Amino acid sequence: MMSDMRSVDPRTEWEGRRIVITGGAHGIGEAVARRASSLGARVAIADFDEAGAAALVADLRAGGPEALSVFTDVTDSKSIDELFAGVTAEWGGVDTLVNCAGGFSRRMGFEEISDQEWQKVLQLNAFSAFACCRAVLPQMRRSHYGRIVNVSSEAGRMPIALSAAHYAAAKAAILGLTRHLAREVAADGVCVNAVAPGTTLSERVKQFTTEESAKTLIAITPLGRLANLEDQVEPILFLASDGAAYITGATLDVNGGRFMM
């Protein structure tokens, strides 16, 4: 698809684009889905929350473009394979993958993390990105075109207050995966990049962000505020666009300047 990047009109490049967004029913994934759909893209919402994904897809379809809701357990490779097989059967392929699925239940000290909790968080964050990339890559390589954007976190880039060791390890693993994979598939026309959001006020994050912790984070953020969901959308879509055709293996820090501190 779109082998000559110079011929792409940036005003229309999203029309008909086939995008899979994991963890797309809520948070950053939902915000990206709504924006991409508004630009004319076909969006497949892959999420464990079947009802939430279906409700979002109903909203997207009301706006015009095609949209799909696919129940997906991103910790299970069979479920992931079924996701991409289903989207390919419906739309003929996938142009863009945004790996948004992830998270952790609560902040905890290192010695509190059990084997089970470690495996659960690594599976949800790092394994899900690996398995989704593995499932979509054969088709992207055959097409000699693909855009993959992995959503990491500032927790994978530097120590932060609102995190835990297993989450930081998983998000750092995503950055290593991104760099290696980008190099491996560059000759096939597939670009693989990552974003590392700072604390972003999704509904999930609001649940464990106290007024005191928010003030602490704001005080060390050069731009003087925490991120809203909308702050994360355009950076992700930029890396997924053909305007970023000469960018691969990169991590874009979207944290109000905290990383440089």
C-alpha atoms as a PDB file:
ATOM      1  CA  MET A   1       0.000   0.000   0.000  1.00  0.00           C
ATOM      2  CA  MET A   2       1.207   3.503  -0.854  1.00  0.00           C
ATOM      3  CA  SER A   3       4.650   2.486  -2.107  1.00  0.00           C
ATOM      4  CA  ASP A   4       5.563   6.015  -3.242  1.00  0.00           C
ATOM      5  CA  MET A   5       5.419   8.168  -0.135  1.00  0.00           C
ATOM      6  CA  ARG A   6       5.940  11.350  -2.155  1.00  0.00           C
ATOM      7  CA  SER A   7       2.601  10.873  -3.897  1.00  0.00           C
ATOM      8  CA  VAL A   8       0.607  10.808  -0.646  1.00  0.00           C
ATOM      9  CA  ASP A   9      -1.596  13.803   0.065  1.00  0.00           C
ATOM     10  CA  PRO A  10      -1.380  14.401   3.852  1.00  0.00           C
ATOM     11  CA  ARG A  11      -4.929  15.738   3.794  1.00  0.00           C
ATOM     12  CA  THR A  12      -6.316  12.403   2.612  1.00  0.00           C
ATOM     13  CA  GLU A  13      -3.734   9.782   3.596  1.00  0.00           C
ATOM     14  CA  TRP A  14      -5.850   8.467   6.474  1.00  0.00           C
ATOM     15  CA  GLU A  15      -8.894   7.746   4.323  1.00  0.00           C
ATOM     16  CA  GLY A  16      -9.348   4.002   4.202  1.00  0.00           C
ATOM     17  CA  ARG A  17      -6.242   3.306   6.313  1.00  0.00           C
ATOM     18  CA  ARG A  18      -6.686   0.012   8.176  1.00  0.00           C
ATOM     19  CA  ILE A  19      -5.639   0.432  11.806  1.00  0.00           C
ATOM     20  CA  VAL A  20      -5.660  -2.034  14.692  1.00  0.00           C
ATOM     21  CA  ILE A  21      -5.491  -0.505  18.169  1.00  0.00           C
ATOM     22  CA  THR A  22      -4.998  -2.837  21.112  1.00  0.00           C
ATOM     23  CA  GLY A  23      -6.414  -1.640  24.402  1.00  0.00           C
ATOM     24  CA  GLY A  24      -8.468   0.661  22.220  1.00  0.00           C
ATOM     25  CA  ALA A  25     -11.667   0.790  24.247  1.00  0.00           C
ATOM     26  CA  HIS A  26     -10.367   3.243  26.834  1.00  0.00           C
ATOM     27  CA  GLY A  27      -7.678   5.798  27.604  1.00  0.00           C
ATOM     28  CA  ILE A  28      -5.044   6.711  25.048  1.00  0.00           C
ATOM     29  CA  GLY A  29      -6.180   3.947  22.707  1.00  0.00           C
ATOM     30  CA  GLU A  30      -9.731   5.267  22.616  1.00  0.00           C
ATOM     31  CA  ALA A  31      -8.550   8.821  22.000  1.00  0.00           C
ATOM     32  CA  VAL A  32      -6.349   7.665  19.102  1.00  0.00           C
ATOM     33  CA  ALA A  33      -9.223   5.623  17.668  1.00  0.00           C
ATOM     34  CA  ARG A  34     -11.604   8.568  17.726  1.00  0.00           C
ATOM     35  CA  ARG A  35      -9.129  10.878  16.035  1.00  0.00           C
ATOM     36  CA  ALA A  36      -8.068   8.360  13.377  1.00  0.00           C
ATOM     37  CA  SER A  37     -11.687   7.570  12.593  1.00  0.00           C
ATOM     38  CA  SER A  38     -12.493  11.267  12.262  1.00  0.00           C
ATOM     39  CA  LEU A  39      -9.747  11.468   9.612  1.00  0.00           C
ATOM     40  CA  GLY A  40     -11.340   8.656   7.625  1.00  0.00           C
ATOM     41  CA  ALA A  41      -9.421   5.616   8.822  1.00  0.00           C
ATOM     42  CA  ARG A  42     -10.964   2.208   9.336  1.00  0.00           C
ATOM     43  CA  VAL A  43     -10.327   1.319  12.972  1.00  0.00           C
ATOM     44  CA  ALA A  44     -10.400  -2.091  14.656  1.00  0.00           C
ATOM     45  CA  ILE A  45     -10.700  -1.896  18.429  1.00  0.00           C
ATOM     46  CA  ALA A  46      -9.039  -4.906  20.070  1.00  0.00           C
ATOM     47  CA  ASP A  47      -9.881  -5.074  23.751  1.00  0.00           C
ATOM     48  CA  PHE A  48     -10.748  -7.446  26.583  1.00  0.00           C
ATOM     49  CA  ASP A  49     -13.633  -5.115  27.493  1.00  0.00           C
ATOM     50  CA  GLU A  50     -16.076  -6.353  24.883  1.00  0.00           C
ATOM     51  CA  ALA A  51     -18.893  -4.010  25.904  1.00  0.00           C
ATOM     52  CA  GLY A  52     -16.637  -0.948  26.001  1.00  0.00           C
ATOM     53  CA  ALA A  53     -15.174  -1.734  22.590  1.00  0.00           C
ATOM     54  CA  ALA A  54     -18.616  -2.297  21.093  1.00  0.00           C
ATOM     55  CA  ALA A  55     -19.896   1.008  22.473  1.00  0.00           C
ATOM     56  CA  LEU A  56     -16.931   2.876  21.020  1.00  0.00           C
ATOM     57  CA  VAL A  57     -17.347   1.214  17.627  1.00  0.00           C
ATOM     58  CA  ALA A  58     -21.013   2.214  17.586  1.00  0.00           C
ATOM     59  CA  ASP A  59     -19.911   5.836  18.070  1.00  0.00           C
ATOM     60  CA  LEU A  60     -17.268   5.570  15.353  1.00  0.00           C
ATOM     61  CA  ARG A  61     -19.676   4.041  12.851  1.00  0.00           C
ATOM     62  CA  ALA A  62     -22.119   6.847  13.486  1.00  0.00           C
ATOM     63  CA  GLY A  63     -19.438   9.199  12.150  1.00  0.00           C
ATOM     64  CA  GLY A  64     -19.162   7.325   8.868  1.00  0.00           C
ATOM     65  CA  PRO A  65     -15.957   5.237   8.538  1.00  0.00           C
ATOM     66  CA  GLU A  66     -15.963   1.484   9.007  1.00  0.00           C
ATOM     67  CA  ALA A  67     -15.004   0.210  12.438  1.00  0.00           C
ATOM     68  CA  LEU A  68     -14.707  -3.181  14.071  1.00  0.00           C
ATOM     69  CA  SER A  69     -14.865  -4.401  17.653  1.00  0.00           C
ATOM     70  CA  VAL A  70     -12.820  -7.539  18.295  1.00  0.00           C
ATOM     71  CA  PHE A  71     -12.723  -9.203  21.704  1.00  0.00           C
ATOM     72  CA  THR A  72      -9.025  -9.838  22.298  1.00  0.00           C
ATOM     73  CA  ASP A  73      -6.995 -11.193  25.177  1.00  0.00           C
ATOM     74  CA  VAL A  74      -3.594  -9.669  24.392  1.00  0.00           C
ATOM     75  CA  THR A  75      -1.905 -12.017  26.859  1.00  0.00           C
ATOM     76  CA  ASP A  76      -2.882 -15.005  24.690  1.00  0.00           C
ATOM     77  CA  SER A  77      -1.214 -15.561  21.319  1.00  0.00           C
ATOM     78  CA  LYS A  78      -4.145 -17.570  19.941  1.00  0.00           C
ATOM     79  CA  SER A  79      -6.524 -14.691  20.643  1.00  0.00           C
ATOM     80  CA  ILE A  80      -4.073 -12.280  18.980  1.00  0.00           C
ATOM     81  CA  ASP A  81      -3.747 -14.475  15.890  1.00  0.00           C
ATOM     82  CA  GLU A  82      -7.531 -14.622  15.643  1.00  0.00           C
ATOM     83  CA  LEU A  83      -7.684 -10.823  15.876  1.00  0.00           C
ATOM     84  CA  PHE A  84      -5.454 -10.268  12.856  1.00  0.00           C
ATOM     85  CA  ALA A  85      -6.988 -13.124  10.889  1.00  0.00           C
ATOM     86  CA  GLY A  86     -10.420 -11.587  11.425  1.00  0.00           C
ATOM     87  CA  VAL A  87      -9.389  -8.046  10.480  1.00  0.00           C
ATOM     88  CA  THR A  88      -7.575  -9.329   7.392  1.00  0.00           C
ATOM     89  CA  ALA A  89     -10.630 -11.352   6.344  1.00  0.00           C
ATOM     90  CA  GLU A  90     -12.797  -8.238   6.728  1.00  0.00           C
ATOM     91  CA  TRP A  91     -10.521  -5.577   5.243  1.00  0.00           C
ATOM     92  CA  GLY A  92      -7.864  -7.480   3.328  1.00  0.00           C
ATOM     93  CA  GLY A  93      -5.002  -6.512   5.616  1.00  0.00           C
ATOM     94  CA  VAL A  94      -3.645  -4.136   8.251  1.00  0.00           C
ATOM     95  CA  ASP A  95      -1.646  -0.997   7.472  1.00  0.00           C
ATOM     96  CA  THR A  96      -1.059   0.275  10.993  1.00  0.00           C
ATOM     97  CA  LEU A  97      -0.775  -1.324  14.422  1.00  0.00           C
ATOM     98  CA  VAL A  98      -0.882   0.750  17.598  1.00  0.00           C
ATOM     99  CA  ASN A  99       0.002  -1.300  20.672  1.00  0.00           C
ATOM    100  CA  CYS A 100      -1.769   0.547  23.483  1.00  0.00           C
ATOM    101  CA  ALA A 101      -2.710  -2.398  25.697  1.00  0.00           C
ATOM    102  CA  GLY A 102      -0.983  -2.375  29.059  1.00  0.00           C
ATOM    103  CA  GLY A 103      -1.007  -0.912  32.532  1.00  0.00           C
ATOM    104  CA  PHE A 104      -0.632  -2.110  36.118  1.00  0.00           C
ATOM    105  CA  SER A 105      -3.026  -2.417  39.019  1.00  0.00           C
ATOM    106  CA  ARG A 106      -1.385  -0.218  41.645  1.00  0.00           C
ATOM    107  CA  ARG A 107       1.863   1.248  42.863  1.00  0.00           C
ATOM    108  CA  MET A 108       3.806  -1.235  44.964  1.00  0.00           C
ATOM    109  CA  GLY A 109       7.241  -1.653  46.456  1.00  0.00           C
ATOM    110  CA  PHE A 110       9.742  -3.985  44.834  1.00  0.00           C
ATOM    111  CA  GLU A 111       9.511  -6.650  47.548  1.00  0.00           C
ATOM    112  CA  GLU A 112       5.718  -6.688  47.322  1.00  0.00           C
ATOM    113  CA  ILE A 113       5.791  -7.988  43.745  1.00  0.00           C
ATOM    114  CA  SER A 114       5.004 -11.693  43.621  1.00  0.00           C
ATOM    115  CA  ASP A 115       6.049 -14.030  40.808  1.00  0.00           C
ATOM    116  CA  GLN A 116       2.454 -14.085  39.623  1.00  0.00           C
ATOM    117  CA  GLU A 117       2.148 -10.295  39.624  1.00  0.00           C
ATOM    118  CA  TRP A 118       5.466  -9.931  37.762  1.00  0.00           C
ATOM    119  CA  GLN A 119       4.361 -12.353  35.056  1.00  0.00           C
ATOM    120  CA  LYS A 120       0.939 -10.745  34.761  1.00  0.00           C
ATOM    121  CA  VAL A 121       2.293  -7.238  34.151  1.00  0.00           C
ATOM    122  CA  LEU A 122       5.067  -8.374  31.798  1.00  0.00           C
ATOM    123  CA  GLN A 123       2.525 -10.418  29.836  1.00  0.00           C
ATOM    124  CA  LEU A 124       0.025  -7.572  29.550  1.00  0.00           C
ATOM    125  CA  ASN A 125       2.563  -4.943  28.529  1.00  0.00           C
ATOM    126  CA  ALA A 126       5.620  -6.496  26.873  1.00  0.00           C
ATOM    127  CA  PHE A 127       4.360  -9.848  25.607  1.00  0.00           C
ATOM    128  CA  SER A 128       1.246  -8.273  24.098  1.00  0.00           C
ATOM    129  CA  ALA A 129       3.330  -5.882  21.988  1.00  0.00           C
ATOM    130  CA  PHE A 130       5.665  -8.701  20.905  1.00  0.00           C
ATOM    131  CA  ALA A 131       2.859 -11.092  19.966  1.00  0.00           C
ATOM    132  CA  CYS A 132       0.854  -8.460  18.076  1.00  0.00           C
ATOM    133  CA  CYS A 133       3.916  -7.413  16.081  1.00  0.00           C
ATOM    134  CA  ARG A 134       4.673 -11.051  15.307  1.00  0.00           C
ATOM    135  CA  ALA A 135       1.119 -11.654  14.109  1.00  0.00           C
ATOM    136  CA  VAL A 136       0.895  -8.629  11.797  1.00  0.00           C
ATOM    137  CA  LEU A 137       4.404  -8.574  10.344  1.00  0.00           C
ATOM    138  CA  PRO A 138       4.094 -11.331   7.700  1.00  0.00           C
ATOM    139  CA  GLN A 139       1.292  -9.444   5.969  1.00  0.00           C
ATOM    140  CA  MET A 140       3.058  -6.069   6.284  1.00  0.00           C
ATOM    141  CA  ARG A 141       6.244  -7.519   4.829  1.00  0.00           C
ATOM    142  CA  ARG A 142       4.372  -8.987   1.882  1.00  0.00           C
ATOM    143  CA  SER A 143       2.784  -5.579   1.294  1.00  0.00           C
ATOM    144  CA  HIS A 144       6.155  -3.816   1.672  1.00  0.00           C
ATOM    145  CA  TYR A 145       4.361  -1.302   3.859  1.00  0.00           C
ATOM    146  CA  GLY A 146       3.532  -1.007   7.539  1.00  0.00           C
ATOM    147  CA  ARG A 147       3.487   1.316  10.503  1.00  0.00           C
ATOM    148  CA  ILE A 148       3.802   0.021  14.071  1.00  0.00           C
ATOM    149  CA  VAL A 149       3.650   2.357  17.062  1.00  0.00           C
ATOM    150  CA  ASN A 150       4.330   0.831  20.462  1.00  0.00           C
ATOM    151  CA  VAL A 151       3.101   2.732  23.501  1.00  0.00           C
ATOM    152  CA  SER A 152       5.746   2.536  26.218  1.00  0.00           C
ATOM    153  CA  SER A 153       5.970   4.953  29.151  1.00  0.00           C
ATOM    154  CA  GLU A 154       8.300   7.382  30.806  1.00  0.00           C
ATOM    155  CA  ALA A 155       8.541   4.616  33.421  1.00  0.00           C
ATOM    156  CA  GLY A 156      10.601   2.687  30.883  1.00  0.00           C
ATOM    157  CA  ARG A 157      12.908   5.682  30.343  1.00  0.00           C
ATOM    158  CA  MET A 158      13.560   6.974  33.857  1.00  0.00           C
ATOM    159  CA  PRO A 159      12.488   6.522  37.503  1.00  0.00           C
ATOM    160  CA  ILE A 160       9.154   8.161  38.276  1.00  0.00           C
ATOM    161  CA  ALA A 161       6.959   8.327  41.349  1.00  0.00           C
ATOM    162  CA  LEU A 162       3.745   6.715  40.123  1.00  0.00           C
ATOM    163  CA  SER A 163       4.970   3.308  39.001  1.00  0.00           C
ATOM    164  CA  ALA A 164       6.282  -0.087  40.045  1.00  0.00           C
ATOM    165  CA  ALA A 165       9.345  -2.135  39.102  1.00  0.00           C
ATOM    166  CA  HIS A 166       7.530  -4.722  36.988  1.00  0.00           C
ATOM    167  CA  TYR A 167       5.714  -2.029  35.009  1.00  0.00           C
ATOM    168  CA  ALA A 168       8.951  -0.106  34.442  1.00  0.00           C
ATOM    169  CA  ALA A 169      10.694  -3.297  33.314  1.00  0.00           C
ATOM    170  CA  ALA A 170       7.883  -4.147  30.893  1.00  0.00           C
ATOM    171  CA  LYS A 171       7.833  -0.680  29.376  1.00  0.00           C
ATOM    172  CA  ALA A 172      11.622  -0.685  29.003  1.00  0.00           C
ATOM    173  CA  ALA A 173      11.332  -4.043  27.237  1.00  0.00           C
ATOM    174  CA  ILE A 174       8.988  -2.435  24.701  1.00  0.00           C
ATOM    175  CA  LEU A 175      11.686   0.112  23.847  1.00  0.00           C
ATOM    176  CA  GLY A 176      14.248  -2.634  23.240  1.00  0.00           C
ATOM    177  CA  LEU A 177      11.726  -4.544  21.138  1.00  0.00           C
ATOM    178  CA  THR A 178      11.020  -1.422  19.095  1.00  0.00           C
ATOM    179  CA  ARG A 179      14.672  -0.747  18.303  1.00  0.00           C
ATOM    180  CA  HIS A 180      15.520  -4.310  17.355  1.00  0.00           C
ATOM    181  CA  LEU A 181      12.398  -4.914  15.301  1.00  0.00           C
ATOM    182  CA  ALA A 182      12.778  -1.615  13.450  1.00  0.00           C
ATOM    183  CA  ARG A 183      16.208  -2.662  12.260  1.00  0.00           C
ATOM    184  CA  GLU A 184      15.062  -6.140  11.311  1.00  0.00           C
ATOM    185  CA  VAL A 185      12.131  -5.069   9.102  1.00  0.00           C
ATOM    186  CA  ALA A 186      13.291  -1.705   7.720  1.00  0.00           C
ATOM    187  CA  ALA A 187      14.208  -3.189   4.334  1.00  0.00           C
ATOM    188  CA  ASP A 188      10.638  -4.469   4.034  1.00  0.00           C
ATOM    189  CA  GLY A 189       9.125  -0.993   4.186  1.00  0.00           C
ATOM    190  CA  VAL A 190       7.887  -1.348   7.761  1.00  0.00           C
ATOM    191  CA  CYS A 191       8.582   1.444  10.262  1.00  0.00           C
ATOM    192  CA  VAL A 192       8.492   0.615  13.969  1.00  0.00           C
ATOM    193  CA  ASN A 193       8.567   3.391  16.556  1.00  0.00           C
ATOM    194  CA  ALA A 194       7.497   4.044  20.118  1.00  0.00           C
ATOM    195  CA  VAL A 195       6.073   6.808  22.245  1.00  0.00           C
ATOM    196  CA  ALA A 196       6.853   7.196  25.934  1.00  0.00           C
ATOM    197  CA  PRO A 197       3.971   9.128  27.494  1.00  0.00           C
ATOM    198  CA  GLY A 198       4.322  10.886  30.794  1.00  0.00           C
ATOM    199  CA  THR A 199       1.569  10.712  33.397  1.00  0.00           C
ATOM    200  CA  THR A 200      -1.606  11.107  31.363  1.00  0.00           C
ATOM    201  CA  LEU A 201      -4.950  11.780  32.999  1.00  0.00           C
ATOM    202  CA  SER A 202      -6.957   8.840  31.724  1.00  0.00           C
ATOM    203  CA  GLU A 203      -9.712   7.492  33.940  1.00  0.00           C
ATOM    204  CA  ARG A 204      -7.405   4.679  35.116  1.00  0.00           C
ATOM    205  CA  VAL A 205      -4.577   7.027  36.065  1.00  0.00           C
ATOM    206  CA  LYS A 206      -6.928   9.419  37.839  1.00  0.00           C
ATOM    207  CA  GLN A 207      -7.856   6.588  40.211  1.00  0.00           C
ATOM    208  CA  PHE A 208      -4.397   6.453  41.766  1.00  0.00           C
ATOM    209  CA  THR A 209      -3.243  10.038  41.262  1.00  0.00           C
ATOM    210  CA  THR A 210      -3.798  12.005  44.442  1.00  0.00           C
ATOM    211  CA  GLU A 211      -3.803  15.782  44.590  1.00  0.00           C
ATOM    212  CA  GLU A 212      -0.475  15.644  46.422  1.00  0.00           C
ATOM    213  CA  SER A 213       1.187  13.312  43.903  1.00  0.00           C
ATOM    214  CA  ALA A 214      -0.114  15.405  41.011  1.00  0.00           C
ATOM    215  CA  LYS A 215       1.421  18.545  42.528  1.00  0.00           C
ATOM    216  CA  THR A 216       4.747  16.734  42.940  1.00  0.00           C
ATOM    217  CA  LEU A 217       4.788  15.664  39.295  1.00  0.00           C
ATOM    218  CA  ILE A 218       3.695  19.065  38.024  1.00  0.00           C
ATOM    219  CA  ALA A 219       6.514  20.695  40.013  1.00  0.00           C
ATOM    220  CA  ILE A 220       9.125  18.669  38.094  1.00  0.00           C
ATOM    221  CA  THR A 221       7.454  19.077  34.692  1.00  0.00           C
ATOM    222  CA  PRO A 222       8.872  21.993  32.667  1.00  0.00           C
ATOM    223  CA  LEU A 223       5.556  22.580  30.891  1.00  0.00           C
ATOM    224  CA  GLY A 224       3.844  22.858  34.280  1.00  0.00           C
ATOM    225  CA  ARG A 225       0.964  20.410  33.903  1.00  0.00           C
ATOM    226  CA  LEU A 226       0.105  16.745  33.481  1.00  0.00           C
ATOM    227  CA  ALA A 227      -0.871  15.409  30.077  1.00  0.00           C
ATOM    228  CA  ASN A 228      -4.411  15.073  28.833  1.00  0.00           C
ATOM    229  CA  LEU A 229      -5.359  12.216  26.523  1.00  0.00           C
ATOM    230  CA  GLU A 230      -5.334  14.580  23.560  1.00  0.00           C
ATOM    231  CA  ASP A 231      -1.647  15.373  24.172  1.00  0.00           C
ATOM    232  CA  GLN A 232      -0.770  11.774  23.293  1.00  0.00           C
ATOM    233  CA  VAL A 233      -2.902  11.401  20.167  1.00  0.00           C
ATOM    234  CA  GLU A 234      -1.084  13.486  17.569  1.00  0.00           C
ATOM    235  CA  PRO A 235       2.411  12.152  18.429  1.00  0.00           C
ATOM    236  CA  ILE A 236       1.138   8.598  17.907  1.00  0.00           C
ATOM    237  CA  LEU A 237      -0.620   9.482  14.668  1.00  0.00           C
ATOM    238  CA  PHE A 238       2.456  11.339  13.435  1.00  0.00           C
ATOM    239  CA  LEU A 239       4.620   8.231  13.876  1.00  0.00           C
ATOM    240  CA  ALA A 240       1.913   6.211  12.136  1.00  0.00           C
ATOM    241  CA  SER A 241       1.729   8.656   9.236  1.00  0.00           C
ATOM    242  CA  ASP A 242       3.713   8.852   6.036  1.00  0.00           C
ATOM    243  CA  GLY A 243       5.131  12.132   7.271  1.00  0.00           C
ATOM    244  CA  ALA A 244       7.291   9.895   9.476  1.00  0.00           C
ATOM    245  CA  ALA A 245       8.360   7.630   6.609  1.00  0.00           C
ATOM    246  CA  TYR A 246      12.059   8.240   7.348  1.00  0.00           C
ATOM    247  CA  ILE A 247      11.753   7.602  11.082  1.00  0.00           C
ATOM    248  CA  THR A 248      12.154   4.115  12.512  1.00  0.00           C
ATOM    249  CA  GLY A 249      13.506   2.696  15.758  1.00  0.00           C
ATOM    250  CA  ALA A 250      12.839   5.996  17.534  1.00  0.00           C
ATOM    251  CA  THR A 251      11.172   6.781  20.837  1.00  0.00           C
ATOM    252  CA  LEU A 252       9.235  10.014  21.091  1.00  0.00           C
ATOM    253  CA  ASP A 253       9.051  11.308  24.672  1.00  0.00           C
ATOM    254  CA  VAL A 254       5.700  12.977  25.328  1.00  0.00           C
ATOM    255  CA  ASN A 255       6.051  14.012  28.952  1.00  0.00           C
ATOM    256  CA  GLY A 256       6.103  17.779  29.142  1.00  0.00           C
ATOM    257  CA  GLY A 257       9.896  17.866  29.256  1.00  0.00           C
ATOM    258  CA  ARG A 258      10.475  15.651  32.317  1.00  0.00           C
ATOM    259  CA  PHE A 259      12.834  13.284  30.511  1.00  0.00           C
ATOM    260  CA  MET A 260      15.408  15.999  29.913  1.00  0.00           C
ATOM    261  CA  MET A 261      15.511  16.749  33.632  1.00  0.00           C
END
